[in-house]
Amino acid sequence: MEENLRYFGSKVDALIKGRDLTREEAGDLFRQILKNEQPDLQQGAFLAAITAKGATPQEIAGIWEAIYEIDTVKVRPDVSGPLAENCGTGMDSIKTFNISTAASIVAAADGIKMAKHGARAITSKCGAVDILETLGVDVECDVSLVKRSIENAGIGIFNGMSGKVHPQALYRILSQIRFGTVLNIAGSLANPALPSYGVRGVYSQDMVLPIAKAMREIGYKRAIVMHGRSADGCRGMDELSTIGPSFVAELTEDGEIRESTILGGDLGVQVGEEASILYRSNREEEAMSLLRVLSGKEQGHRKEIVCLNAAPLLYITRHAASLKDGVDKAREIIDGDRPIQKLKSWVKQQNQEPGERLERLEEMIARACA
């Protein structure tokens, strides 16, 4: 026991000194955390040290592998075409509304099969699980119900903080911390449905290329990783930005990774105002705002940034020929009222007894669109 404690501690000390672990070492150490074989202080020190150092693609892949192998209830949705996912890592300095959630609904409304894997807010004010719960999706259900929703509604979300999804330990760890760690990345990649197409927003420009490499390492076929900046370039968001430049790494089907810088204006997107895309009040009001965007009633900056962030999903799944084409298509999808219909279908399918929740959603839509 003492020898194992010392070995684990020596690896934490190495991380503190800026040394990298191999994929195998990172996976082995995190398996010990998942199995609760190390004291809480050692577990917390590992997470803090590797996050502060900056996890390498190999370290992220090793931690992901440990979570997926021993702490993920696996399912295989029976769907045709690409299975995709999108999310933001949190830990960013610009606290936006739930852009990636809205973008996923827009993508699903065009027929893309979406297997989301999200969490409640840790470093943000309202996570994907929080907002979807407010809209009526059952976020505490078994993975079998999420699988059914993906198959029948074309979209579903696995709650990364639920013991029904990650029964060994991940839910325990995430419920005890209120700061961002490598788990915002590696944990989010441990999707029970193992999609091959992914869009991921990250909290730092320095993480864009490493995360793209990590997604290649764990088997994604196509992916886009991005980080957006504020107008003055001093602060960042885990989304494509309409208020400043965005830094992007695209993983292609041949395994190449292409880096680029994107300006929303070059894709035909209106330059945004930061105040208009921030999380403003409470879950109920944010849910109502999301409904106004998805119904096409809100035509301003929030709609523009949703369209910009739906574009990568449309592009990597070949529903759009380019990011610019994806922006244009996202606008058409929203203006056609398809996202609202998709959301209704989602609530109907990801609930054992949807009646009351579906009724409440209808009432919310009526108020939002009045």
Foldseek 3Di string as FASTA:
>chain_A
DVVVQVVLVVVLVCLQVLHADALQVLLVSLLCVLQVVYDPVSVVSSFVSCQVSDHFLSNLLSNLCNQLPQFFQADAADDPAFEEEEDELDPFDQQFFRLRLLLVLLLVLLPHQYEFEWEAAQRHDGIPLRLLVLLQFPAADAVVLQSQLSRFLSYGYHYLLYCNGGVRPSVVVSVPHRHGGSCSQSVRCSGNNNTQEYEYFYRDPVCQVRSLSSSVVNHRQKYKYKKDAALVRPTIDRAQALHGKMWMWIQHNVGDIDIDIDHLVVLVFHRADSVVGHDDDDSLVSSLVSLCLQQVVDDDDSVRRSQLRSLVVCCRSVVAVHSSRSSVVSNVSSPVSSSVVSSLSSSVRSDPDSVVSSVVSVVSSVVSND
